[in-house]
Structures are given as structure tokens and as C-alpha cells.
Protein backbone atom coordinates (compact mmCIF):
# COMPACT_ATOMS: atom_id res chain seq x y z
CA UNK A 1 -108.74 -181.08 -37.63
CA UNK A 2 -105.37 -179.78 -37.27
CA UNK A 3 -101.85 -180.47 -38.15
CA UNK A 4 -100.85 -181.67 -34.73
CA UNK A 5 -104.25 -183.44 -33.85
CA UNK A 6 -103.18 -185.61 -36.87
CA UNK A 7 -99.55 -186.01 -35.34
CA UNK A 8 -101.58 -186.80 -32.30
CA UNK A 9 -103.60 -189.65 -33.52
CA UNK A 10 -100.87 -191.23 -35.64
CA UNK A 11 -98.95 -191.32 -32.83
CA UNK A 12 -101.67 -192.92 -30.28
CA UNK A 13 -102.45 -195.47 -32.91
CA UNK A 14 -98.71 -196.52 -32.99
CA UNK A 15 -97.40 -195.86 -29.44
CA UNK A 16 -100.61 -195.72 -27.52
CA UNK A 17 -102.03 -192.98 -25.57
CA UNK A 18 -99.98 -190.13 -23.51
CA UNK A 19 -99.71 -188.25 -20.76
CA UNK A 20 -101.92 -185.03 -19.83
CA UNK A 21 -98.15 -183.24 -19.48
CA UNK A 22 -96.66 -184.77 -22.75
CA UNK A 23 -100.25 -183.44 -24.57
CA UNK A 24 -99.53 -180.09 -23.28
CA UNK A 25 -96.13 -180.06 -24.10
CA UNK A 26 -96.66 -181.07 -27.48
CA UNK A 27 -100.17 -178.56 -27.74
CA UNK A 28 -97.71 -175.52 -26.78
CA UNK A 29 -94.44 -176.22 -27.65
CA UNK A 30 -94.24 -178.52 -30.71
CA UNK A 31 -91.50 -177.21 -33.27
CA UNK A 32 -93.34 -176.64 -36.34
CA UNK A 33 -97.47 -176.64 -34.64
CA UNK A 34 -97.13 -175.74 -30.83
CA UNK A 35 -99.16 -172.59 -29.84
CA UNK A 36 -96.43 -171.14 -28.73
CA UNK A 37 -94.46 -171.55 -31.88
CA UNK A 38 -96.72 -169.73 -33.76
CA UNK A 39 -98.27 -165.91 -33.02
CA UNK A 40 -98.84 -163.50 -30.56
CA UNK A 41 -101.38 -164.89 -28.04
CA UNK A 42 -101.49 -162.05 -25.88
CA UNK A 43 -104.00 -158.84 -25.70
CA UNK A 44 -107.28 -158.34 -26.95
CA UNK A 45 -106.44 -159.57 -30.34
CA UNK A 46 -105.04 -162.91 -28.87
CA UNK A 47 -106.39 -165.64 -26.73
CA UNK A 48 -105.37 -164.23 -23.05
CA UNK A 49 -104.39 -161.04 -21.55
CA UNK A 50 -102.40 -161.34 -18.40
CA UNK A 51 -101.50 -158.87 -15.59
CA UNK A 52 -99.09 -156.96 -17.51
CA UNK A 53 -100.94 -156.29 -20.25
CA UNK A 54 -103.77 -154.81 -17.74
CA UNK A 55 -102.38 -152.04 -16.31
CA UNK A 56 -98.43 -150.27 -16.34
CA UNK A 57 -98.70 -150.31 -12.39
CA UNK A 58 -98.26 -153.98 -12.29
CA UNK A 59 -94.81 -154.55 -13.54
CA UNK A 60 -93.79 -151.27 -11.77
CA UNK A 61 -94.38 -152.25 -8.10
CA UNK A 62 -92.53 -155.47 -8.82
CA UNK A 63 -89.86 -153.96 -10.58
CA UNK A 64 -89.89 -151.35 -8.07
CA UNK A 65 -89.44 -154.44 -5.48
CA UNK A 66 -86.87 -156.01 -6.50
CA UNK A 67 -84.92 -152.70 -7.07
CA UNK A 68 -85.36 -152.07 -3.35
CA UNK A 69 -84.50 -155.60 -2.24
CA UNK A 70 -81.08 -154.99 -4.68
CA UNK A 71 -80.96 -151.76 -2.00
CA UNK A 72 -81.33 -154.03 0.66
CA UNK A 73 -78.78 -156.35 0.03
CA UNK A 74 -76.11 -153.72 -0.53
CA UNK A 75 -76.57 -153.15 -4.17
CA UNK A 76 -74.45 -156.15 -5.57
CA UNK A 77 -72.65 -155.52 -8.81
CA UNK A 78 -73.07 -156.62 -11.69
CA UNK A 79 -76.06 -158.55 -11.33
CA UNK A 80 -78.67 -160.23 -13.33
CA UNK A 81 -82.46 -158.47 -13.52
CA UNK A 82 -84.28 -161.82 -14.99
CA UNK A 83 -87.86 -162.76 -16.31
CA UNK A 84 -89.01 -166.07 -16.98
CA UNK A 85 -91.50 -165.81 -19.92
CA UNK A 86 -92.03 -162.25 -20.38
CA UNK A 87 -94.64 -162.36 -22.88
CA UNK A 88 -94.52 -159.05 -24.80
CA UNK A 89 -92.04 -157.70 -22.95
CA UNK A 90 -94.40 -155.58 -21.17
CA UNK A 91 -93.84 -156.40 -17.91
CA UNK A 92 -90.21 -155.76 -18.00
CA UNK A 93 -91.01 -152.71 -19.94
CA UNK A 94 -92.61 -151.10 -17.35
CA UNK A 95 -89.88 -152.37 -14.55
CA UNK A 96 -87.17 -150.80 -16.31
CA UNK A 97 -88.94 -147.13 -16.53
CA UNK A 98 -90.03 -147.61 -12.71
CA UNK A 99 -85.95 -148.50 -11.44
CA UNK A 100 -84.58 -145.90 -14.02
CA UNK A 101 -84.38 -143.83 -11.01
CA UNK A 102 -83.07 -146.20 -8.88
CA UNK A 103 -79.17 -145.29 -8.02
CA UNK A 104 -76.74 -147.59 -9.26
CA UNK A 105 -79.73 -149.78 -10.40
CA UNK A 106 -79.41 -149.78 -14.45
CA UNK A 107 -76.11 -149.24 -14.17
CA UNK A 108 -75.37 -152.65 -12.19
CA UNK A 109 -78.08 -154.43 -14.39
CA UNK A 110 -77.25 -157.59 -16.84
CA UNK A 111 -81.08 -157.92 -18.82
CA UNK A 112 -81.77 -161.73 -19.29
CA UNK A 113 -85.23 -163.23 -20.50
CA UNK A 114 -86.09 -167.20 -20.56
CA UNK A 115 -88.51 -166.79 -23.64
CA UNK A 116 -88.57 -170.22 -26.03
CA UNK A 117 -91.07 -168.24 -28.74
CA UNK A 118 -89.71 -166.82 -32.00
CA UNK A 119 -92.42 -164.96 -31.92
CA UNK A 120 -92.87 -162.98 -28.31
CA UNK A 121 -88.40 -162.76 -28.68
CA UNK A 122 -89.57 -160.49 -31.59
CA UNK A 123 -91.52 -158.37 -29.56
CA UNK A 124 -89.41 -158.40 -26.35
CA UNK A 125 -86.90 -157.07 -28.59
CA UNK A 126 -89.56 -154.31 -29.81
CA UNK A 127 -90.61 -153.67 -26.34
CA UNK A 128 -87.23 -153.16 -24.41
CA UNK A 129 -85.61 -151.37 -27.60
CA UNK A 130 -82.29 -149.55 -25.97
CA UNK A 131 -81.09 -152.40 -24.00
CA UNK A 132 -78.54 -154.97 -24.46
CA UNK A 133 -80.90 -158.13 -23.54
CA UNK A 134 -79.91 -162.22 -23.68
CA UNK A 135 -81.66 -163.94 -24.14
CA UNK A 136 -82.03 -168.08 -22.49
CA UNK A 137 -83.84 -170.84 -23.37
CA UNK A 138 -83.73 -172.16 -19.87
CA UNK A 139 -83.13 -170.81 -16.40
CA UNK A 140 -79.87 -173.11 -15.98
CA UNK A 141 -78.52 -170.51 -19.36
CA UNK A 142 -78.47 -167.75 -16.84
CA UNK A 143 -75.66 -165.85 -15.84
CA UNK A 144 -73.46 -166.50 -13.03
CA UNK A 145 -73.50 -164.42 -9.94
CA UNK A 146 -76.43 -162.01 -8.15
CA UNK A 147 -79.95 -162.81 -9.53
CA UNK A 148 -83.25 -160.86 -9.57
CA UNK A 149 -85.84 -163.15 -11.05
CA UNK A 150 -89.48 -161.98 -11.99
CA UNK A 151 -92.05 -164.84 -13.09
CA UNK A 152 -95.23 -164.12 -13.76
CA UNK A 153 -97.21 -166.20 -15.06
CA UNK A 154 -94.78 -169.34 -15.85
CA UNK A 155 -94.69 -171.78 -14.30
CA UNK A 156 -98.97 -172.38 -15.05
CA UNK A 157 -98.02 -173.17 -18.76
CA UNK A 158 -95.32 -175.79 -17.73
CA UNK A 159 -97.16 -179.55 -18.28
CA UNK A 160 -98.93 -181.18 -15.71
CA UNK A 161 -99.25 -184.70 -14.89
CA UNK A 162 -102.58 -185.90 -13.60
CA UNK A 163 -103.09 -189.23 -11.16
CA UNK A 164 -106.15 -189.57 -9.95
CA UNK A 165 -106.40 -192.08 -6.08
CA UNK A 166 -107.33 -195.62 -6.17
CA UNK A 167 -106.97 -198.34 -4.06
CA UNK A 168 -104.36 -199.48 -5.18
CA UNK A 169 -102.36 -196.77 -6.17
CA UNK A 170 -102.96 -193.84 -8.35
CA UNK A 171 -103.71 -193.86 -11.62
CA UNK A 172 -102.66 -191.40 -14.47
CA UNK A 173 -104.77 -189.83 -16.36
CA UNK A 174 -103.66 -190.17 -20.48
CA UNK A 175 -105.14 -188.76 -23.67
CA UNK A 176 -105.94 -191.61 -25.77
CA UNK A 177 -108.59 -192.52 -29.00
CA UNK A 178 -111.91 -193.21 -28.07
CA UNK A 179 -114.51 -193.80 -31.05
CA UNK A 180 -111.99 -192.26 -33.36
CA UNK A 181 -111.80 -188.92 -31.38
CA UNK A 182 -109.20 -187.68 -28.41
CA UNK A 183 -110.48 -188.45 -25.13
CA UNK A 184 -109.02 -188.68 -21.64
CA UNK A 185 -108.59 -192.05 -20.49
CA UNK A 186 -106.68 -193.47 -17.03
CA UNK A 187 -103.58 -195.77 -16.78
CA UNK A 188 -103.18 -198.74 -14.29
CA UNK A 189 -102.80 -198.14 -10.85
CA UNK A 190 -99.09 -197.46 -9.73
CA UNK A 191 -97.17 -196.57 -7.09
CA UNK A 192 -96.14 -192.76 -6.93
CA UNK A 193 -93.44 -192.02 -4.68
CA UNK A 194 -93.96 -188.39 -4.73
CA UNK A 195 -97.59 -188.40 -3.87
CA UNK A 196 -96.64 -190.38 -0.87
CA UNK A 197 -98.14 -187.86 1.80
CA UNK A 198 -101.47 -186.93 -0.40
CA UNK A 199 -102.40 -190.14 0.49
CA UNK A 200 -103.65 -188.84 3.88
CA UNK A 201 -105.67 -185.70 2.69
CA UNK A 202 -106.89 -187.53 -0.37
CA UNK A 203 -109.88 -189.77 -1.34
CA UNK A 204 -109.78 -192.89 -3.46
CA UNK A 205 -111.57 -191.11 -6.64
CA UNK A 206 -109.59 -187.34 -6.34
CA UNK A 207 -107.46 -186.02 -9.02
CA UNK A 208 -104.35 -184.54 -8.16
CA UNK A 209 -101.37 -182.93 -10.39
CA UNK A 210 -97.72 -183.08 -10.48
CA UNK A 211 -95.25 -180.61 -12.57
CA UNK A 212 -92.32 -181.97 -12.78
CA UNK A 213 -90.56 -179.21 -14.83
CA UNK A 214 -91.37 -176.87 -12.26
CA UNK A 215 -89.19 -178.06 -9.01
CA UNK A 216 -85.55 -177.95 -11.49
CA UNK A 217 -86.60 -174.34 -12.36
CA UNK A 218 -86.99 -172.81 -8.96
CA UNK A 219 -83.82 -175.40 -7.43
CA UNK A 220 -81.78 -173.79 -10.36
CA UNK A 221 -82.75 -170.06 -9.27
CA UNK A 222 -83.01 -170.70 -5.59
CA UNK A 223 -79.13 -172.49 -5.54
CA UNK A 224 -78.27 -169.03 -7.62
CA UNK A 225 -79.56 -167.35 -5.32
CA UNK A 226 -78.33 -169.08 -2.01
CA UNK A 227 -75.06 -169.40 -3.40
CA UNK A 228 -74.66 -165.87 -4.00
CA UNK A 229 -76.24 -164.57 -0.75
CA UNK A 230 -77.48 -161.71 -2.61
CA UNK A 231 -80.55 -161.67 -5.12
CA UNK A 232 -84.54 -162.34 -4.63
CA UNK A 233 -87.04 -164.06 -7.12
CA UNK A 234 -90.94 -163.20 -7.29
CA UNK A 235 -93.11 -165.79 -8.22
CA UNK A 236 -96.86 -165.38 -8.96
CA UNK A 237 -99.58 -167.34 -10.71
CA UNK A 238 -102.98 -168.36 -10.02
CA UNK A 239 -103.42 -171.35 -7.92
CA UNK A 240 -102.72 -172.21 -3.77
CA UNK A 241 -101.01 -174.51 -1.95
CA UNK A 242 -101.15 -178.21 -2.51
CA UNK A 243 -102.71 -179.39 -5.78
CA UNK A 244 -106.26 -180.68 -5.64
CA UNK A 245 -108.77 -181.09 -8.68
CA UNK A 246 -108.58 -181.06 -12.31
CA UNK A 247 -107.10 -177.81 -13.43
CA UNK A 248 -106.00 -178.24 -17.13
CA UNK A 249 -108.00 -175.36 -19.19
CA UNK A 250 -107.91 -174.20 -22.54
CA UNK A 251 -108.49 -170.47 -23.75
CA UNK A 252 -108.95 -169.53 -27.16
CA UNK A 253 -110.42 -166.15 -28.18
CA UNK A 254 -110.43 -165.59 -24.35
CA UNK A 255 -113.06 -168.13 -23.82
CA UNK A 256 -112.29 -171.36 -22.60
CA UNK A 257 -112.51 -174.35 -24.72
CA UNK A 258 -112.32 -178.23 -24.38
CA UNK A 259 -108.30 -179.09 -24.14
CA UNK A 260 -109.01 -181.73 -26.51
CA UNK A 261 -110.31 -179.51 -28.90
CA UNK A 262 -107.88 -178.26 -31.64
CA UNK A 263 -105.03 -179.42 -30.36
CA UNK A 264 -101.92 -176.36 -30.96
CA UNK A 265 -104.99 -173.82 -31.62
CA UNK A 266 -105.46 -172.78 -27.85
CA UNK A 267 -103.34 -171.93 -24.65
CA UNK A 268 -103.22 -174.50 -21.94
CA UNK A 269 -102.50 -173.91 -18.51
CA UNK A 270 -103.16 -175.46 -14.82
CA UNK A 271 -103.57 -174.12 -11.60
CA UNK A 272 -99.73 -173.77 -10.16
CA UNK A 273 -99.38 -175.54 -6.44
CA UNK A 274 -97.11 -173.64 -4.92
CA UNK A 275 -96.00 -175.90 -2.24
CA UNK A 276 -93.70 -178.12 -4.04
CA UNK A 277 -91.88 -175.37 -5.05
CA UNK A 278 -91.32 -173.19 -1.59
CA UNK A 279 -90.20 -176.76 -0.53
CA UNK A 280 -87.73 -176.79 -3.91
CA UNK A 281 -86.17 -173.46 -3.13
CA UNK A 282 -85.79 -174.37 0.54
CA UNK A 283 -83.80 -177.48 -0.08
CA UNK A 284 -81.55 -175.71 -2.56
CA UNK A 285 -80.35 -173.35 0.66
CA UNK A 286 -82.87 -170.44 -0.05
CA UNK A 287 -85.43 -168.74 2.47
CA UNK A 288 -89.45 -168.69 1.09
CA UNK A 289 -91.94 -166.23 2.17
CA UNK A 290 -95.37 -166.80 2.74
CA UNK A 291 -98.41 -167.48 0.32
CA UNK A 292 -99.27 -164.55 -0.36
CA UNK A 293 -102.47 -162.63 -2.34
CA UNK A 294 -101.92 -160.77 -5.18
CA UNK A 295 -103.57 -157.90 -3.76
CA UNK A 296 -102.18 -158.20 -0.87
CA UNK A 297 -98.89 -158.29 -1.87
CA UNK A 298 -99.68 -154.89 -4.21
CA UNK A 299 -101.14 -153.31 -2.14
CA UNK A 300 -98.40 -153.69 0.40
CA UNK A 301 -95.95 -152.39 -2.54
CA UNK A 302 -98.25 -149.15 -2.49
CA UNK A 303 -100.42 -149.59 -6.29
CA UNK A 304 -102.95 -147.48 -4.82
CA UNK A 305 -100.99 -144.40 -3.91
CA UNK A 306 -99.94 -145.16 -7.70
CA UNK A 307 -103.16 -145.52 -8.74
CA UNK A 308 -104.28 -142.58 -7.09
CA UNK A 309 -100.82 -140.39 -8.66
CA UNK A 310 -102.09 -141.48 -12.50
CA UNK A 311 -105.58 -140.98 -11.85
CA UNK A 312 -104.70 -137.19 -11.75
CA UNK A 313 -104.24 -137.18 -14.96
CA UNK A 314 -107.17 -139.14 -16.80
CA UNK A 315 -110.62 -138.68 -17.11
CA UNK A 316 -114.00 -139.75 -18.87
CA UNK A 317 -113.50 -143.07 -20.09
CA UNK A 318 -109.65 -143.26 -19.75
CA UNK A 319 -109.94 -142.50 -15.51
CA UNK A 320 -112.75 -145.45 -15.95
CA UNK A 321 -110.33 -148.07 -17.82
CA UNK A 322 -107.51 -147.04 -15.13
CA UNK A 323 -110.09 -147.50 -12.08
CA UNK A 324 -111.33 -150.75 -13.12
CA UNK A 325 -107.48 -152.15 -14.04
CA UNK A 326 -106.33 -151.38 -10.28
CA UNK A 327 -109.71 -153.03 -8.69
CA UNK A 328 -109.26 -156.15 -11.22
CA UNK A 329 -105.44 -156.45 -10.19
CA UNK A 330 -106.30 -156.27 -6.92
CA UNK A 331 -110.16 -157.26 -5.74
CA UNK A 332 -110.53 -160.11 -3.95
CA UNK A 333 -113.28 -161.37 -6.26
CA UNK A 334 -111.12 -161.16 -9.74
CA UNK A 335 -107.00 -161.33 -9.85
CA UNK A 336 -106.17 -160.57 -6.12
CA UNK A 337 -107.04 -163.70 -4.22
CA UNK A 338 -107.18 -165.96 -7.31
CA UNK A 339 -103.48 -165.33 -8.15
CA UNK A 340 -100.92 -165.47 -5.26
CA UNK A 341 -96.97 -165.11 -5.19
CA UNK A 342 -94.32 -166.03 -2.76
CA UNK A 343 -90.66 -164.77 -2.73
CA UNK A 344 -87.30 -166.45 -2.86
CA UNK A 345 -84.68 -164.54 -0.91
CA UNK A 346 -81.38 -165.12 0.70
CA UNK A 347 -81.38 -166.78 4.27
CA UNK A 348 -79.32 -163.46 5.64
CA UNK A 349 -81.64 -161.16 3.86
CA UNK A 350 -84.84 -159.69 4.30
CA UNK A 351 -87.10 -160.87 2.89
CA UNK A 352 -88.49 -158.51 -0.84
CA UNK A 353 -90.95 -155.73 0.03
CA UNK A 354 -94.43 -156.49 -0.01
CA UNK A 355 -94.34 -160.06 1.69
CA UNK A 356 -94.02 -160.54 5.71
CA UNK A 357 -91.05 -162.54 7.17
């Protein structure tokens, strides 16, 4: 039994079952025993691998996308280049290397990272040595002014509430104790205003997810972009348009495990519902691109010519690994379709490159 499981058992025994969102938050961000508060979880020696760790091309394409958006918007200066949940700093390091030749881009840039993990902040400092970095606890703490943002696999780790449709309303799924073990259960039916419209496209017994912490983040970013009349945000994650079904998953050592097994020792995520993110951005006064598969976005940004250029200097196993990385990022049977993206930008501006209007 992990220390966090002992804490959860005591809490549940004293105050009753907790929501799935509260369970996720404790598992990931408990000050002492939370998953992100401990060791570096990324890479082959960690529990999972994200797109920036697969190939430098991913960060390069996104960095150049924002740099071109900055140029298209008249090169506002100064501006903030930010990343939400930047992992080891790999994506941002690749983006900065690719954008170094863009005239004036680095000179006008202020670099900011939104990161909660002390262990990952240390890794980011190493990856971005030579750059002046400001770390922020939340998107609301980012500097004022034009904002150009990347959020790759950030929203999937924000806690979700799960609701099961019932003839009398919605029953919230909870984590409690059954036979002295952690187990899922459900609360009594209740009215959930945020899910009123979902009764039109669901049936009794179906489960849908809400991510309460996502819309405020998007609202903050979109309002900054709309207010400044300059900026762009790229949001990439695995998910789709409108939540449907139980998508909570746990990964430990690159293998799926039971989300209730070993609290605090596995990464917990859930698919991202892009529909409320887009609605929040539009309500804040910004424009939003159509939902776009990651593979399509990367292809339209030029990842294949970049891959071909890099391949010319490779041979043997290195070339095979490079080709496999390109396929993994873009092919519909791998990350190309499962992962999707939206862009947020000022209403009077062009969409960021790679997206259709």
C-alpha cells in the first residue's frame, strides 16, 4: 500500500467517497506523494513518452508555426512565448532552436513556462540553459501583452468528473471503499446544468466527463489574445469533440494499469473534450480553428520535407528510428489521428499556419 493510498483510505473513512476529479488531483499533485511531485516521469526510463521526446521535428514545427503567426500579425514586441506543462523542456528547446533565424523573434520574446513539478522545473532549466525563463504556477500568472502559447498534452492531466446518465439525472462516479479496497461507485442522481445539452445525445447508463479546470485556463489565454489583438495558442492532445465514455487511464512503466492501483505511482489522464475548450475561447472573444488531426497539422506545417532533409545525414539504425518517429507522429494508425489540435487567435488575424480557416 502506497503512502497516498493510506491517506486516501483515512479520508474516505472519515468523510466519504471522493469524486474522480479529487482522486486524480490527489494522485497527481499531493504535495508529498503526488505523481508529479516526485521523480521525472518522462522518457524511456519513466512511465510515458510524449511527442517532443519522440522527435525534434515536433517542437520545430510548432515553434515555426507560432513564429510565422507572429510575423503575420506584424511582429508585436515585446511578446510572451509560453508553454503549459512543458515536461523536460524538450519541445521548447526544439522550438527555440528552429526559430532562432526568424528576424527579431528572439529579441522580442519573453519566455515563460507554466509548471507545477519541482523535478520537471529542474529539467527544464537544464534544457533551456542560456535563456531567461520565468516559471509560473498558472496561466493567470503569465505576463501581460501579446501571448503565443503551446499546450501539448497539458489538458489531459487536468482532473475530470465522471457522470453516468440516469432517468432521474446524472450520478457522479466516485472513489470509495469496498471490502477494504479502493473501488468505484456512484452518488445519487442530481441535476448537472453543464450536462443539460448532453441528454440529447446520450442514453441512460452512458458516461460522460467534465473537466472543470480546463475552461478557465482557455478563457484566460483567449481573453489575453483577444484583448491584445495579437497572439496565438496551439492546443494538442488526445481526445475528440464531445466527451463520451470512460476515458480515465493510468500508465506506469509504459504499460496501462488499474487507475486505483498504487495511487501516486502512475500517471493518470483522460481524453480531452475539445468542444468546451473551443466554446470557452470564443466566449472570451477569440477565434478558434476547426479541430484538426495532429498528423494533418504537422504535414501542413511541412514535417515531411523536414524529415527528408534530416534523413539525408542518417543511415542504418538511426535512419530507421527517424523514419519510425515521423510515422508515429503523423500516421493515422498511430498518433496522427488519436491526437488532435485547435488554434486560438485574434478575430482580425489569420489562423495559425497549418490550420484551415
